[in-house]
Protein backbone atom coordinates (compact mmCIF):
# COMPACT_ATOMS: atom_id res chain seq x y z
CA UNK A 1 0.00 0.00 0.00
CA UNK A 2 1.29 3.45 -0.89
CA UNK A 3 2.22 5.69 2.02
CA UNK A 4 0.43 9.01 2.43
CA UNK A 5 1.25 12.30 4.11
CA UNK A 6 -1.25 11.40 6.82
CA UNK A 7 0.47 8.03 7.42
CA UNK A 8 3.83 9.75 7.80
CA UNK A 9 2.48 12.26 10.31
CA UNK A 10 0.70 9.48 12.22
CA UNK A 11 4.02 7.62 12.63
CA UNK A 12 6.47 10.51 13.07
CA UNK A 13 4.32 13.32 14.41
CA UNK A 14 4.65 16.80 12.94
CA UNK A 15 7.51 16.95 10.42
CA UNK A 16 8.48 19.42 7.74
CA UNK A 17 7.23 19.20 4.18
CA UNK A 18 10.69 18.44 2.80
CA UNK A 19 11.01 15.27 4.89
CA UNK A 20 7.49 14.23 3.93
CA UNK A 21 8.33 14.70 0.25
CA UNK A 22 11.54 12.66 0.61
CA UNK A 23 9.69 9.81 2.34
CA UNK A 24 6.95 9.85 -0.30
CA UNK A 25 9.60 9.80 -3.06
CA UNK A 26 11.29 6.79 -1.47
CA UNK A 27 8.38 4.54 -2.41
CA UNK A 28 8.36 3.12 1.12
CA UNK A 29 5.30 1.62 2.75
CA UNK A 30 3.83 2.62 6.09
CA UNK A 31 5.10 -0.65 7.54
CA UNK A 32 8.65 0.14 6.40
CA UNK A 33 8.39 3.59 7.98
CA UNK A 34 7.17 2.09 11.26
CA UNK A 35 10.12 -0.33 11.33
CA UNK A 36 12.58 2.45 10.47
CA UNK A 37 11.17 4.69 13.20
CA UNK A 38 11.44 1.77 15.63
CA UNK A 39 15.14 1.48 14.82
CA UNK A 40 15.64 5.22 15.25
CA UNK A 41 13.91 5.32 18.63
CA UNK A 42 14.87 1.89 20.05
CA UNK A 43 18.07 0.78 18.35
CA UNK A 44 19.81 -0.33 21.53
CA UNK A 45 16.89 -2.52 22.61
CA UNK A 46 16.54 -4.07 19.15
CA UNK A 47 20.26 -4.88 19.01
CA UNK A 48 20.09 -6.47 22.47
CA UNK A 49 17.22 -8.63 21.24
CA UNK A 50 19.35 -9.79 18.32
CA UNK A 51 17.05 -8.38 15.68
CA UNK A 52 19.00 -7.95 12.43
CA UNK A 53 19.51 -4.44 11.12
CA UNK A 54 17.09 -3.23 8.52
CA UNK A 55 17.86 -3.46 4.82
CA UNK A 56 16.44 -2.06 1.59
CA UNK A 57 14.00 0.82 1.76
CA UNK A 58 13.74 0.52 5.54
CA UNK A 59 17.49 1.13 5.84
CA UNK A 60 17.17 4.07 3.45
CA UNK A 61 14.43 5.53 5.66
CA UNK A 62 16.63 5.10 8.74
CA UNK A 63 19.36 7.08 6.99
CA UNK A 64 16.88 9.74 5.91
CA UNK A 65 15.38 10.08 9.38
CA UNK A 66 18.82 10.11 11.00
CA UNK A 67 19.90 12.94 8.72
CA UNK A 68 16.80 14.89 9.72
CA UNK A 69 17.63 14.41 13.43
CA UNK A 70 21.15 15.74 12.83
CA UNK A 71 19.74 18.87 11.16
CA UNK A 72 17.70 19.86 14.22
CA UNK A 73 19.32 22.33 16.66
C-alpha atoms as a PDB file:
ATOM      1  CA  UNK A   1       0.000   0.000   0.000  1.00  0.00           C
ATOM      2  CA  UNK A   2       1.294   3.449  -0.891  1.00  0.00           C
ATOM      3  CA  UNK A   3       2.217   5.691   2.023  1.00  0.00           C
ATOM      4  CA  UNK A   4       0.434   9.013   2.426  1.00  0.00           C
ATOM      5  CA  UNK A   5       1.254  12.300   4.111  1.00  0.00           C
ATOM      6  CA  UNK A   6      -1.246  11.398   6.818  1.00  0.00           C
ATOM      7  CA  UNK A   7       0.473   8.030   7.419  1.00  0.00           C
ATOM      8  CA  UNK A   8       3.830   9.749   7.795  1.00  0.00           C
ATOM      9  CA  UNK A   9       2.480  12.260  10.310  1.00  0.00           C
ATOM     10  CA  UNK A  10       0.702   9.477  12.220  1.00  0.00           C
ATOM     11  CA  UNK A  11       4.021   7.624  12.631  1.00  0.00           C
ATOM     12  CA  UNK A  12       6.470  10.513  13.075  1.00  0.00           C
ATOM     13  CA  UNK A  13       4.316  13.318  14.405  1.00  0.00           C
ATOM     14  CA  UNK A  14       4.652  16.800  12.940  1.00  0.00           C
ATOM     15  CA  UNK A  15       7.505  16.945  10.417  1.00  0.00           C
ATOM     16  CA  UNK A  16       8.479  19.417   7.737  1.00  0.00           C
ATOM     17  CA  UNK A  17       7.226  19.198   4.184  1.00  0.00           C
ATOM     18  CA  UNK A  18      10.693  18.439   2.802  1.00  0.00           C
ATOM     19  CA  UNK A  19      11.011  15.270   4.892  1.00  0.00           C
ATOM     20  CA  UNK A  20       7.490  14.229   3.933  1.00  0.00           C
ATOM     21  CA  UNK A  21       8.328  14.697   0.248  1.00  0.00           C
ATOM     22  CA  UNK A  22      11.539  12.659   0.615  1.00  0.00           C
ATOM     23  CA  UNK A  23       9.692   9.815   2.344  1.00  0.00           C
ATOM     24  CA  UNK A  24       6.951   9.853  -0.302  1.00  0.00           C
ATOM     25  CA  UNK A  25       9.597   9.800  -3.059  1.00  0.00           C
ATOM     26  CA  UNK A  26      11.295   6.786  -1.469  1.00  0.00           C
ATOM     27  CA  UNK A  27       8.381   4.544  -2.408  1.00  0.00           C
ATOM     28  CA  UNK A  28       8.358   3.122   1.123  1.00  0.00           C
ATOM     29  CA  UNK A  29       5.298   1.621   2.751  1.00  0.00           C
ATOM     30  CA  UNK A  30       3.827   2.623   6.092  1.00  0.00           C
ATOM     31  CA  UNK A  31       5.096  -0.652   7.542  1.00  0.00           C
ATOM     32  CA  UNK A  32       8.649   0.141   6.397  1.00  0.00           C
ATOM     33  CA  UNK A  33       8.387   3.591   7.985  1.00  0.00           C
ATOM     34  CA  UNK A  34       7.174   2.088  11.257  1.00  0.00           C
ATOM     35  CA  UNK A  35      10.116  -0.327  11.329  1.00  0.00           C
ATOM     36  CA  UNK A  36      12.580   2.452  10.469  1.00  0.00           C
ATOM     37  CA  UNK A  37      11.174   4.689  13.202  1.00  0.00           C
ATOM     38  CA  UNK A  38      11.441   1.771  15.627  1.00  0.00           C
ATOM     39  CA  UNK A  39      15.139   1.477  14.815  1.00  0.00           C
ATOM     40  CA  UNK A  40      15.642   5.219  15.247  1.00  0.00           C
ATOM     41  CA  UNK A  41      13.912   5.316  18.627  1.00  0.00           C
ATOM     42  CA  UNK A  42      14.866   1.895  20.053  1.00  0.00           C
ATOM     43  CA  UNK A  43      18.073   0.779  18.346  1.00  0.00           C
ATOM     44  CA  UNK A  44      19.812  -0.325  21.535  1.00  0.00           C
ATOM     45  CA  UNK A  45      16.891  -2.523  22.606  1.00  0.00           C
ATOM     46  CA  UNK A  46      16.536  -4.074  19.153  1.00  0.00           C
ATOM     47  CA  UNK A  47      20.263  -4.876  19.010  1.00  0.00           C
ATOM     48  CA  UNK A  48      20.085  -6.473  22.472  1.00  0.00           C
ATOM     49  CA  UNK A  49      17.222  -8.634  21.236  1.00  0.00           C
ATOM     50  CA  UNK A  50      19.353  -9.795  18.322  1.00  0.00           C
ATOM     51  CA  UNK A  51      17.049  -8.380  15.680  1.00  0.00           C
ATOM     52  CA  UNK A  52      19.001  -7.949  12.433  1.00  0.00           C
ATOM     53  CA  UNK A  53      19.512  -4.438  11.121  1.00  0.00           C
ATOM     54  CA  UNK A  54      17.091  -3.234   8.518  1.00  0.00           C
ATOM     55  CA  UNK A  55      17.858  -3.465   4.818  1.00  0.00           C
ATOM     56  CA  UNK A  56      16.444  -2.056   1.594  1.00  0.00           C
ATOM     57  CA  UNK A  57      13.997   0.825   1.760  1.00  0.00           C
ATOM     58  CA  UNK A  58      13.744   0.521   5.537  1.00  0.00           C
ATOM     59  CA  UNK A  59      17.485   1.135   5.842  1.00  0.00           C
ATOM     60  CA  UNK A  60      17.168   4.073   3.452  1.00  0.00           C
ATOM     61  CA  UNK A  61      14.429   5.534   5.656  1.00  0.00           C
ATOM     62  CA  UNK A  62      16.628   5.104   8.736  1.00  0.00           C
ATOM     63  CA  UNK A  63      19.364   7.077   6.995  1.00  0.00           C
ATOM     64  CA  UNK A  64      16.882   9.737   5.906  1.00  0.00           C
ATOM     65  CA  UNK A  65      15.378  10.081   9.379  1.00  0.00           C
ATOM     66  CA  UNK A  66      18.816  10.112  11.001  1.00  0.00           C
ATOM     67  CA  UNK A  67      19.902  12.942   8.719  1.00  0.00           C
ATOM     68  CA  UNK A  68      16.798  14.886   9.721  1.00  0.00           C
ATOM     69  CA  UNK A  69      17.634  14.408  13.430  1.00  0.00           C
ATOM     70  CA  UNK A  70      21.145  15.743  12.827  1.00  0.00           C
ATOM     71  CA  UNK A  71      19.738  18.870  11.156  1.00  0.00           C
ATOM     72  CA  UNK A  72      17.704  19.863  14.216  1.00  0.00           C
ATOM     73  CA  UNK A  73      19.319  22.331  16.658  1.00  0.00           C
END
